[in-house]
Amino acid sequence: MICLTILGIDPGIATVGFGAINAHGSRQELLRCGVITTSAGLRLAERLMRIHNDVLELIEIFRPDAIAIEELFFNTNLKTGISVAHGRGVIILACEEKGIPMFEYTPLQIKQAVTGYGRAEKKQVMEMVRRLLSMQAVAKPDDASDALAVAICHARYSSSLLNGQGGSDVCSTI
């Protein structure tokens, strides 16, 4: 059975969640999770450089086979969405610089893969992440738990019977 190391990332500008897991078929194992934080007092360029450098460091530490990142979801605050898009950009750049395959998933795909229901509440997703990874408590802050959910989504997609057999680009729990 192939073991994949997956680095999940929940992009942001003030807080970037990360979660590293090993995936053994349908089973996932927690390696580590946490957040990259940047201070609002820093210039945007400094914040982006910090995120970029920290993602490069995470890649060096975990040497992932794949990186999974959540796609942007614009709610009502366009200004926040643009800042998050800047953060996503430097994360994608770091993946490309290191030659790590990167996969993007929508919030709906992530919820579907983790809970079986694409409209699950945040608390349901966090609890399922805790259970799937046999954690004592839900990962904190929420961004770390979200990043683990992204990694689990990719693990489930990459081990899906649909993957490589003409299936769609949707996370699958098969």
N, C-alpha and C. Protein backbone atom coordinates (compact mmCIF):
# COMPACT_ATOMS: atom_id res chain seq x y z
N MET A 1 0.84 -1.18 0.00
CA MET A 1 0.00 0.00 0.00
C MET A 1 0.88 1.24 0.00
N ILE A 2 0.54 2.17 -0.87
CA ILE A 2 1.30 3.41 -1.00
C ILE A 2 0.95 4.36 0.13
N CYS A 3 1.96 5.01 0.68
CA CYS A 3 1.76 6.03 1.70
C CYS A 3 2.07 7.38 1.07
N LEU A 4 1.10 8.29 1.13
CA LEU A 4 1.30 9.64 0.62
C LEU A 4 1.37 10.61 1.79
N THR A 5 2.29 11.53 1.71
CA THR A 5 2.33 12.63 2.67
C THR A 5 1.67 13.82 1.98
N ILE A 6 0.66 14.36 2.64
CA ILE A 6 -0.12 15.45 2.07
C ILE A 6 -0.07 16.65 3.01
N LEU A 7 0.21 17.81 2.44
CA LEU A 7 0.18 19.06 3.19
C LEU A 7 -1.06 19.81 2.77
N GLY A 8 -2.01 19.98 3.69
CA GLY A 8 -3.22 20.75 3.43
C GLY A 8 -3.03 22.18 3.88
N ILE A 9 -3.55 23.11 3.09
CA ILE A 9 -3.39 24.52 3.43
C ILE A 9 -4.73 25.24 3.32
N ASP A 10 -5.06 25.99 4.37
CA ASP A 10 -6.22 26.87 4.39
C ASP A 10 -5.65 28.29 4.25
N PRO A 11 -5.75 28.88 3.06
CA PRO A 11 -5.06 30.15 2.81
C PRO A 11 -5.68 31.33 3.56
N GLY A 12 -4.86 32.32 3.79
CA GLY A 12 -5.29 33.54 4.44
C GLY A 12 -4.17 34.55 4.34
N ILE A 13 -4.32 35.67 5.02
CA ILE A 13 -3.26 36.67 5.06
C ILE A 13 -2.82 36.88 6.52
N ALA A 14 -3.77 36.96 7.44
CA ALA A 14 -3.44 37.08 8.86
C ALA A 14 -3.10 35.71 9.44
N THR A 15 -3.86 34.70 9.00
CA THR A 15 -3.66 33.34 9.49
C THR A 15 -3.79 32.36 8.34
N VAL A 16 -2.77 31.55 8.16
CA VAL A 16 -2.76 30.48 7.17
C VAL A 16 -2.71 29.16 7.94
N GLY A 17 -3.73 28.33 7.76
CA GLY A 17 -3.72 27.05 8.44
C GLY A 17 -2.94 26.03 7.64
N PHE A 18 -2.25 25.12 8.33
CA PHE A 18 -1.58 24.01 7.65
C PHE A 18 -1.83 22.72 8.43
N GLY A 19 -1.89 21.64 7.68
CA GLY A 19 -2.06 20.33 8.30
C GLY A 19 -1.35 19.29 7.46
N ALA A 20 -0.45 18.55 8.07
CA ALA A 20 0.29 17.50 7.37
C ALA A 20 -0.21 16.14 7.84
N ILE A 21 -0.51 15.28 6.88
CA ILE A 21 -0.97 13.93 7.20
C ILE A 21 -0.25 12.92 6.31
N ASN A 22 -0.23 11.68 6.78
CA ASN A 22 0.14 10.55 5.94
C ASN A 22 -1.15 9.84 5.60
N ALA A 23 -1.29 9.45 4.35
CA ALA A 23 -2.48 8.73 3.92
C ALA A 23 -2.06 7.34 3.45
N HIS A 24 -2.64 6.33 4.10
CA HIS A 24 -2.39 4.93 3.77
C HIS A 24 -3.71 4.37 3.27
N GLY A 25 -3.94 4.40 1.97
CA GLY A 25 -5.22 3.95 1.44
C GLY A 25 -6.34 4.80 1.99
N SER A 26 -7.29 4.17 2.67
CA SER A 26 -8.43 4.91 3.22
C SER A 26 -8.18 5.42 4.65
N ARG A 27 -6.99 5.22 5.17
CA ARG A 27 -6.65 5.62 6.53
C ARG A 27 -5.70 6.81 6.51
N GLN A 28 -5.94 7.79 7.38
CA GLN A 28 -5.07 8.96 7.47
C GLN A 28 -4.49 9.08 8.88
N GLU A 29 -3.27 9.58 8.92
CA GLU A 29 -2.56 9.74 10.19
C GLU A 29 -2.03 11.16 10.30
N LEU A 30 -2.30 11.81 11.43
CA LEU A 30 -1.85 13.17 11.67
C LEU A 30 -0.34 13.21 11.88
N LEU A 31 0.31 14.13 11.18
CA LEU A 31 1.72 14.39 11.44
C LEU A 31 1.84 15.64 12.31
N ARG A 32 1.25 16.74 11.82
CA ARG A 32 1.30 17.99 12.58
C ARG A 32 0.36 19.00 11.94
N CYS A 33 -0.13 19.92 12.74
CA CYS A 33 -0.94 21.01 12.21
C CYS A 33 -0.64 22.28 12.99
N GLY A 34 -1.01 23.39 12.39
CA GLY A 34 -0.77 24.67 13.05
C GLY A 34 -1.14 25.81 12.13
N VAL A 35 -0.60 26.97 12.43
CA VAL A 35 -0.88 28.16 11.63
C VAL A 35 0.38 28.98 11.42
N ILE A 36 0.36 29.68 10.31
CA ILE A 36 1.33 30.73 10.02
C ILE A 36 0.57 32.03 10.27
N THR A 37 1.13 32.92 11.07
CA THR A 37 0.45 34.18 11.34
C THR A 37 1.31 35.35 10.89
N THR A 38 0.62 36.41 10.46
CA THR A 38 1.30 37.65 10.13
C THR A 38 0.57 38.79 10.81
N SER A 39 1.31 39.76 11.22
CA SER A 39 0.76 40.91 11.94
C SER A 39 0.16 41.93 10.98
N ALA A 40 -0.99 42.46 11.38
CA ALA A 40 -1.65 43.49 10.57
C ALA A 40 -0.79 44.75 10.45
N GLY A 41 0.16 44.93 11.35
CA GLY A 41 1.02 46.10 11.31
C GLY A 41 2.10 46.05 10.24
N LEU A 42 2.31 44.90 9.65
CA LEU A 42 3.33 44.76 8.61
C LEU A 42 2.79 45.21 7.26
N ARG A 43 3.68 45.65 6.40
CA ARG A 43 3.29 45.96 5.03
C ARG A 43 2.84 44.67 4.35
N LEU A 44 1.98 44.78 3.37
CA LEU A 44 1.47 43.61 2.66
C LEU A 44 2.62 42.77 2.10
N ALA A 45 3.61 43.42 1.52
CA ALA A 45 4.74 42.69 0.93
C ALA A 45 5.48 41.87 1.99
N GLU A 46 5.62 42.43 3.20
CA GLU A 46 6.29 41.70 4.29
C GLU A 46 5.46 40.49 4.72
N ARG A 47 4.15 40.66 4.79
CA ARG A 47 3.27 39.56 5.18
C ARG A 47 3.35 38.43 4.16
N LEU A 48 3.32 38.80 2.88
CA LEU A 48 3.39 37.80 1.82
C LEU A 48 4.73 37.07 1.82
N MET A 49 5.81 37.79 2.06
CA MET A 49 7.14 37.16 2.14
C MET A 49 7.19 36.17 3.30
N ARG A 50 6.61 36.54 4.41
CA ARG A 50 6.59 35.64 5.58
C ARG A 50 5.82 34.36 5.25
N ILE A 51 4.65 34.50 4.63
CA ILE A 51 3.85 33.33 4.26
C ILE A 51 4.63 32.46 3.28
N HIS A 52 5.21 33.08 2.27
CA HIS A 52 5.98 32.35 1.26
C HIS A 52 7.13 31.56 1.91
N ASN A 53 7.90 32.24 2.73
CA ASN A 53 9.05 31.59 3.38
C ASN A 53 8.61 30.47 4.31
N ASP A 54 7.54 30.69 5.06
CA ASP A 54 7.07 29.66 5.98
C ASP A 54 6.52 28.44 5.24
N VAL A 55 5.84 28.66 4.12
CA VAL A 55 5.36 27.52 3.33
C VAL A 55 6.54 26.75 2.76
N LEU A 56 7.57 27.45 2.29
CA LEU A 56 8.78 26.76 1.82
C LEU A 56 9.39 25.92 2.94
N GLU A 57 9.39 26.45 4.15
CA GLU A 57 9.93 25.71 5.30
C GLU A 57 9.08 24.48 5.60
N LEU A 58 7.75 24.62 5.53
CA LEU A 58 6.88 23.46 5.75
C LEU A 58 7.14 22.38 4.70
N ILE A 59 7.36 22.79 3.47
CA ILE A 59 7.66 21.83 2.41
C ILE A 59 8.97 21.11 2.71
N GLU A 60 9.95 21.82 3.20
CA GLU A 60 11.24 21.21 3.55
C GLU A 60 11.08 20.22 4.72
N ILE A 61 10.28 20.60 5.70
CA ILE A 61 10.09 19.75 6.88
C ILE A 61 9.35 18.47 6.53
N PHE A 62 8.22 18.59 5.83
CA PHE A 62 7.35 17.43 5.60
C PHE A 62 7.60 16.71 4.29
N ARG A 63 8.26 17.36 3.35
CA ARG A 63 8.53 16.77 2.03
C ARG A 63 7.28 16.07 1.47
N PRO A 64 6.19 16.84 1.31
CA PRO A 64 4.93 16.23 0.89
C PRO A 64 4.97 15.73 -0.56
N ASP A 65 4.18 14.69 -0.80
CA ASP A 65 3.99 14.18 -2.15
C ASP A 65 3.01 15.07 -2.91
N ALA A 66 2.14 15.73 -2.17
CA ALA A 66 1.13 16.60 -2.76
C ALA A 66 0.76 17.69 -1.76
N ILE A 67 0.32 18.81 -2.30
CA ILE A 67 -0.20 19.90 -1.47
C ILE A 67 -1.62 20.17 -1.93
N ALA A 68 -2.53 20.23 -0.97
CA ALA A 68 -3.93 20.51 -1.25
C ALA A 68 -4.26 21.86 -0.63
N ILE A 69 -4.93 22.69 -1.40
CA ILE A 69 -5.25 24.04 -0.94
C ILE A 69 -6.72 24.33 -1.20
N GLU A 70 -7.33 25.04 -0.27
CA GLU A 70 -8.74 25.40 -0.44
C GLU A 70 -8.86 26.54 -1.44
N GLU A 71 -9.83 26.40 -2.35
CA GLU A 71 -10.11 27.46 -3.30
C GLU A 71 -10.75 28.63 -2.57
N LEU A 72 -10.64 29.80 -3.16
CA LEU A 72 -11.24 30.99 -2.56
C LEU A 72 -12.75 30.93 -2.62
N PHE A 73 -13.34 31.40 -1.55
CA PHE A 73 -14.79 31.54 -1.50
C PHE A 73 -15.06 32.97 -1.08
N PHE A 74 -15.54 33.79 -2.02
CA PHE A 74 -15.84 35.18 -1.71
C PHE A 74 -17.22 35.26 -1.09
N ASN A 75 -17.27 35.75 0.12
CA ASN A 75 -18.54 35.93 0.78
C ASN A 75 -19.00 37.36 0.54
N THR A 76 -19.01 38.17 1.56
CA THR A 76 -19.49 39.54 1.38
C THR A 76 -18.38 40.57 1.41
N ASN A 77 -17.21 40.23 1.98
CA ASN A 77 -16.14 41.21 2.13
C ASN A 77 -15.11 41.04 1.02
N LEU A 78 -15.24 41.82 -0.02
CA LEU A 78 -14.36 41.74 -1.18
C LEU A 78 -12.92 42.08 -0.81
N LYS A 79 -12.73 43.05 0.08
CA LYS A 79 -11.38 43.47 0.47
C LYS A 79 -10.64 42.31 1.14
N THR A 80 -11.31 41.59 2.03
CA THR A 80 -10.70 40.42 2.67
C THR A 80 -10.39 39.35 1.64
N GLY A 81 -11.30 39.14 0.70
CA GLY A 81 -11.09 38.15 -0.35
C GLY A 81 -9.86 38.45 -1.20
N ILE A 82 -9.64 39.71 -1.47
CA ILE A 82 -8.47 40.10 -2.26
C ILE A 82 -7.19 39.84 -1.47
N SER A 83 -7.20 40.13 -0.19
CA SER A 83 -6.02 39.85 0.65
C SER A 83 -5.72 38.36 0.69
N VAL A 84 -6.77 37.56 0.86
CA VAL A 84 -6.60 36.10 0.88
C VAL A 84 -6.05 35.63 -0.47
N ALA A 85 -6.52 36.24 -1.55
CA ALA A 85 -6.03 35.87 -2.88
C ALA A 85 -4.53 36.15 -3.00
N HIS A 86 -4.05 37.25 -2.42
CA HIS A 86 -2.61 37.52 -2.42
C HIS A 86 -1.87 36.39 -1.68
N GLY A 87 -2.40 36.00 -0.52
CA GLY A 87 -1.79 34.91 0.25
C GLY A 87 -1.77 33.60 -0.52
N ARG A 88 -2.89 33.29 -1.18
CA ARG A 88 -2.96 32.08 -2.01
C ARG A 88 -1.90 32.10 -3.10
N GLY A 89 -1.70 33.28 -3.67
CA GLY A 89 -0.73 33.42 -4.76
C GLY A 89 0.68 33.02 -4.34
N VAL A 90 1.11 33.49 -3.18
CA VAL A 90 2.48 33.15 -2.75
C VAL A 90 2.57 31.69 -2.31
N ILE A 91 1.47 31.13 -1.82
CA ILE A 91 1.46 29.71 -1.46
C ILE A 91 1.60 28.87 -2.74
N ILE A 92 0.84 29.22 -3.76
CA ILE A 92 0.92 28.51 -5.04
C ILE A 92 2.32 28.65 -5.64
N LEU A 93 2.90 29.84 -5.53
CA LEU A 93 4.26 30.07 -6.02
C LEU A 93 5.26 29.15 -5.31
N ALA A 94 5.14 29.03 -3.99
CA ALA A 94 6.05 28.17 -3.23
C ALA A 94 5.93 26.71 -3.70
N CYS A 95 4.70 26.25 -3.93
CA CYS A 95 4.50 24.87 -4.41
C CYS A 95 5.17 24.69 -5.76
N GLU A 96 5.00 25.65 -6.63
CA GLU A 96 5.57 25.56 -7.98
C GLU A 96 7.09 25.61 -7.92
N GLU A 97 7.63 26.49 -7.08
CA GLU A 97 9.09 26.58 -6.95
C GLU A 97 9.71 25.26 -6.52
N LYS A 98 9.02 24.54 -5.65
CA LYS A 98 9.53 23.26 -5.14
C LYS A 98 9.10 22.07 -5.98
N GLY A 99 8.28 22.32 -7.01
CA GLY A 99 7.86 21.24 -7.89
C GLY A 99 6.92 20.24 -7.25
N ILE A 100 6.17 20.68 -6.26
CA ILE A 100 5.23 19.80 -5.58
C ILE A 100 3.88 19.89 -6.28
N PRO A 101 3.28 18.76 -6.66
CA PRO A 101 1.95 18.81 -7.28
C PRO A 101 0.95 19.45 -6.31
N MET A 102 0.15 20.38 -6.83
CA MET A 102 -0.82 21.09 -6.02
C MET A 102 -2.22 20.83 -6.54
N PHE A 103 -3.15 20.63 -5.62
CA PHE A 103 -4.53 20.33 -5.95
C PHE A 103 -5.43 21.30 -5.20
N GLU A 104 -6.47 21.80 -5.87
CA GLU A 104 -7.36 22.78 -5.26
C GLU A 104 -8.76 22.17 -5.10
N TYR A 105 -9.39 22.46 -3.97
CA TYR A 105 -10.72 21.95 -3.67
C TYR A 105 -11.61 23.06 -3.14
N THR A 106 -12.88 23.01 -3.53
CA THR A 106 -13.84 24.00 -3.05
C THR A 106 -14.28 23.62 -1.64
N PRO A 107 -14.82 24.58 -0.89
CA PRO A 107 -15.35 24.25 0.44
C PRO A 107 -16.40 23.13 0.37
N LEU A 108 -17.24 23.14 -0.64
CA LEU A 108 -18.26 22.11 -0.79
C LEU A 108 -17.63 20.73 -0.97
N GLN A 109 -16.60 20.63 -1.80
CA GLN A 109 -15.91 19.36 -2.01
C GLN A 109 -15.27 18.86 -0.72
N ILE A 110 -14.68 19.78 0.03
CA ILE A 110 -13.99 19.41 1.27
C ILE A 110 -15.00 18.88 2.28
N LYS A 111 -16.10 19.59 2.46
CA LYS A 111 -17.13 19.14 3.40
C LYS A 111 -17.70 17.79 2.99
N GLN A 112 -17.93 17.61 1.70
CA GLN A 112 -18.46 16.34 1.19
C GLN A 112 -17.50 15.19 1.49
N ALA A 113 -16.22 15.42 1.26
CA ALA A 113 -15.22 14.37 1.47
C ALA A 113 -15.06 14.01 2.94
N VAL A 114 -15.14 15.00 3.81
CA VAL A 114 -14.89 14.77 5.24
C VAL A 114 -16.13 14.28 5.98
N THR A 115 -17.29 14.85 5.66
CA THR A 115 -18.50 14.52 6.42
C THR A 115 -19.52 13.71 5.63
N GLY A 116 -19.38 13.70 4.32
CA GLY A 116 -20.38 13.03 3.48
C GLY A 116 -21.52 13.96 3.10
N TYR A 117 -21.44 15.23 3.53
CA TYR A 117 -22.50 16.20 3.26
C TYR A 117 -21.85 17.54 2.92
N GLY A 118 -22.05 18.02 1.70
CA GLY A 118 -21.40 19.23 1.22
C GLY A 118 -21.83 20.52 1.89
N ARG A 119 -22.90 20.48 2.65
CA ARG A 119 -23.38 21.69 3.35
C ARG A 119 -23.23 21.56 4.87
N ALA A 120 -22.32 20.69 5.29
CA ALA A 120 -22.11 20.47 6.73
C ALA A 120 -21.68 21.76 7.41
N GLU A 121 -22.03 21.88 8.67
CA GLU A 121 -21.62 23.02 9.48
C GLU A 121 -20.14 22.87 9.85
N LYS A 122 -19.51 23.99 10.14
CA LYS A 122 -18.08 24.01 10.48
C LYS A 122 -17.77 23.07 11.65
N LYS A 123 -18.61 23.06 12.68
CA LYS A 123 -18.36 22.21 13.84
C LYS A 123 -18.41 20.73 13.48
N GLN A 124 -19.29 20.37 12.54
CA GLN A 124 -19.37 18.98 12.09
C GLN A 124 -18.08 18.57 11.39
N VAL A 125 -17.57 19.45 10.55
CA VAL A 125 -16.33 19.17 9.83
C VAL A 125 -15.19 19.01 10.83
N MET A 126 -15.09 19.93 11.77
CA MET A 126 -14.02 19.88 12.76
C MET A 126 -14.07 18.60 13.58
N GLU A 127 -15.27 18.18 13.97
CA GLU A 127 -15.41 16.94 14.74
C GLU A 127 -15.04 15.72 13.91
N MET A 128 -15.42 15.70 12.64
CA MET A 128 -15.05 14.57 11.79
C MET A 128 -13.55 14.52 11.56
N VAL A 129 -12.91 15.66 11.41
CA VAL A 129 -11.45 15.69 11.28
C VAL A 129 -10.83 15.08 12.53
N ARG A 130 -11.32 15.47 13.69
CA ARG A 130 -10.81 14.93 14.96
C ARG A 130 -10.95 13.40 14.98
N ARG A 131 -12.12 12.91 14.60
CA ARG A 131 -12.37 11.47 14.62
C ARG A 131 -11.53 10.72 13.60
N LEU A 132 -11.49 11.24 12.38
CA LEU A 132 -10.75 10.55 11.32
C LEU A 132 -9.26 10.45 11.62
N LEU A 133 -8.73 11.45 12.33
CA LEU A 133 -7.31 11.45 12.65
C LEU A 133 -7.02 10.97 14.08
N SER A 134 -8.05 10.45 14.75
CA SER A 134 -7.92 9.92 16.13
C SER A 134 -7.25 10.92 17.06
N MET A 135 -7.70 12.16 16.98
CA MET A 135 -7.15 13.22 17.82
C MET A 135 -7.93 13.29 19.14
N GLN A 136 -7.26 13.66 20.21
CA GLN A 136 -7.91 13.81 21.51
C GLN A 136 -8.90 14.97 21.52
N ALA A 137 -8.53 16.05 20.82
CA ALA A 137 -9.38 17.25 20.79
C ALA A 137 -9.36 17.82 19.37
N VAL A 138 -10.33 18.67 19.10
CA VAL A 138 -10.40 19.35 17.81
C VAL A 138 -9.18 20.25 17.67
N ALA A 139 -8.58 20.27 16.49
CA ALA A 139 -7.41 21.13 16.24
C ALA A 139 -7.79 22.60 16.39
N LYS A 140 -6.94 23.34 17.04
CA LYS A 140 -7.13 24.78 17.22
C LYS A 140 -5.91 25.50 16.72
N PRO A 141 -6.03 26.68 16.18
CA PRO A 141 -7.28 27.36 15.87
C PRO A 141 -8.01 26.69 14.70
N ASP A 142 -9.18 27.20 14.38
CA ASP A 142 -10.02 26.63 13.32
C ASP A 142 -9.28 26.48 11.99
N ASP A 143 -8.37 27.40 11.70
CA ASP A 143 -7.64 27.36 10.44
C ASP A 143 -6.81 26.09 10.31
N ALA A 144 -6.26 25.61 11.42
CA ALA A 144 -5.49 24.36 11.41
C ALA A 144 -6.40 23.18 11.12
N SER A 145 -7.58 23.16 11.74
CA SER A 145 -8.55 22.10 11.49
C SER A 145 -9.02 22.14 10.04
N ASP A 146 -9.25 23.34 9.51
CA ASP A 146 -9.66 23.49 8.11
C ASP A 146 -8.59 22.94 7.17
N ALA A 147 -7.33 23.19 7.48
CA ALA A 147 -6.24 22.70 6.64
C ALA A 147 -6.18 21.17 6.67
N LEU A 148 -6.42 20.58 7.83
CA LEU A 148 -6.46 19.12 7.92
C LEU A 148 -7.60 18.56 7.08
N ALA A 149 -8.74 19.27 7.07
CA ALA A 149 -9.88 18.83 6.26
C ALA A 149 -9.52 18.84 4.78
N VAL A 150 -8.76 19.85 4.36
CA VAL A 150 -8.32 19.93 2.96
C VAL A 150 -7.41 18.75 2.63
N ALA A 151 -6.50 18.43 3.54
CA ALA A 151 -5.59 17.30 3.32
C ALA A 151 -6.37 15.98 3.26
N ILE A 152 -7.35 15.81 4.15
CA ILE A 152 -8.17 14.59 4.13
C ILE A 152 -8.94 14.50 2.82
N CYS A 153 -9.47 15.61 2.36
CA CYS A 153 -10.19 15.64 1.09
C CYS A 153 -9.29 15.11 -0.02
N HIS A 154 -8.07 15.59 -0.07
CA HIS A 154 -7.17 15.11 -1.13
C HIS A 154 -6.83 13.63 -0.94
N ALA A 155 -6.64 13.21 0.29
CA ALA A 155 -6.34 11.79 0.54
C ALA A 155 -7.47 10.92 0.04
N ARG A 156 -8.67 11.33 0.28
CA ARG A 156 -9.83 10.55 -0.16
C ARG A 156 -9.97 10.58 -1.67
N TYR A 157 -9.71 11.72 -2.28
CA TYR A 157 -9.78 11.80 -3.73
C TYR A 157 -8.68 10.93 -4.36
N SER A 158 -7.47 11.04 -3.84
CA SER A 158 -6.35 10.32 -4.46
C SER A 158 -6.45 8.81 -4.29
N SER A 159 -7.22 8.35 -3.29
CA SER A 159 -7.39 6.91 -3.11
C SER A 159 -8.71 6.42 -3.68
N SER A 160 -9.47 7.33 -4.30
CA SER A 160 -10.77 6.99 -4.86
C SER A 160 -10.66 6.01 -6.02
N LEU A 161 -11.63 5.18 -6.15
CA LEU A 161 -11.69 4.27 -7.30
C LEU A 161 -11.91 5.05 -8.58
N LEU A 162 -12.46 6.27 -8.47
CA LEU A 162 -12.70 7.09 -9.65
C LEU A 162 -11.41 7.73 -10.17
N ASN A 163 -10.44 7.93 -9.29
CA ASN A 163 -9.21 8.61 -9.68
C ASN A 163 -8.44 7.75 -10.68
N GLY A 164 -8.10 8.35 -11.80
CA GLY A 164 -7.34 7.64 -12.80
C GLY A 164 -8.17 6.75 -13.69
N GLN A 165 -9.47 6.74 -13.48
CA GLN A 165 -10.35 5.90 -14.28
C GLN A 165 -11.43 6.74 -14.96
N GLY A 166 -11.06 7.95 -15.31
CA GLY A 166 -12.01 8.82 -16.00
C GLY A 166 -13.01 9.49 -15.08
N GLY A 167 -12.74 9.49 -13.78
CA GLY A 167 -13.66 10.13 -12.84
C GLY A 167 -13.55 11.64 -12.93
N SER A 168 -14.45 12.31 -12.25
CA SER A 168 -14.47 13.77 -12.28
C SER A 168 -13.42 14.33 -11.33
N ASP A 169 -13.24 15.64 -11.36
CA ASP A 169 -12.30 16.31 -10.48
C ASP A 169 -12.96 16.69 -9.16
N VAL A 170 -13.78 15.83 -8.64
CA VAL A 170 -14.50 16.08 -7.41
C VAL A 170 -13.96 15.16 -6.33
N CYS A 171 -13.83 15.67 -5.10
CA CYS A 171 -13.44 14.80 -4.00
C CYS A 171 -14.46 13.67 -3.92
N SER A 172 -13.98 12.48 -3.68
CA SER A 172 -14.86 11.33 -3.60
C SER A 172 -14.57 10.58 -2.30
N THR A 173 -15.58 10.00 -1.74
CA THR A 173 -15.38 9.20 -0.53
C THR A 173 -15.47 7.71 -0.85
N ILE A 174 -15.38 7.36 -2.11
CA ILE A 174 -15.43 5.95 -2.52
C ILE A 174 -14.12 5.28 -2.18
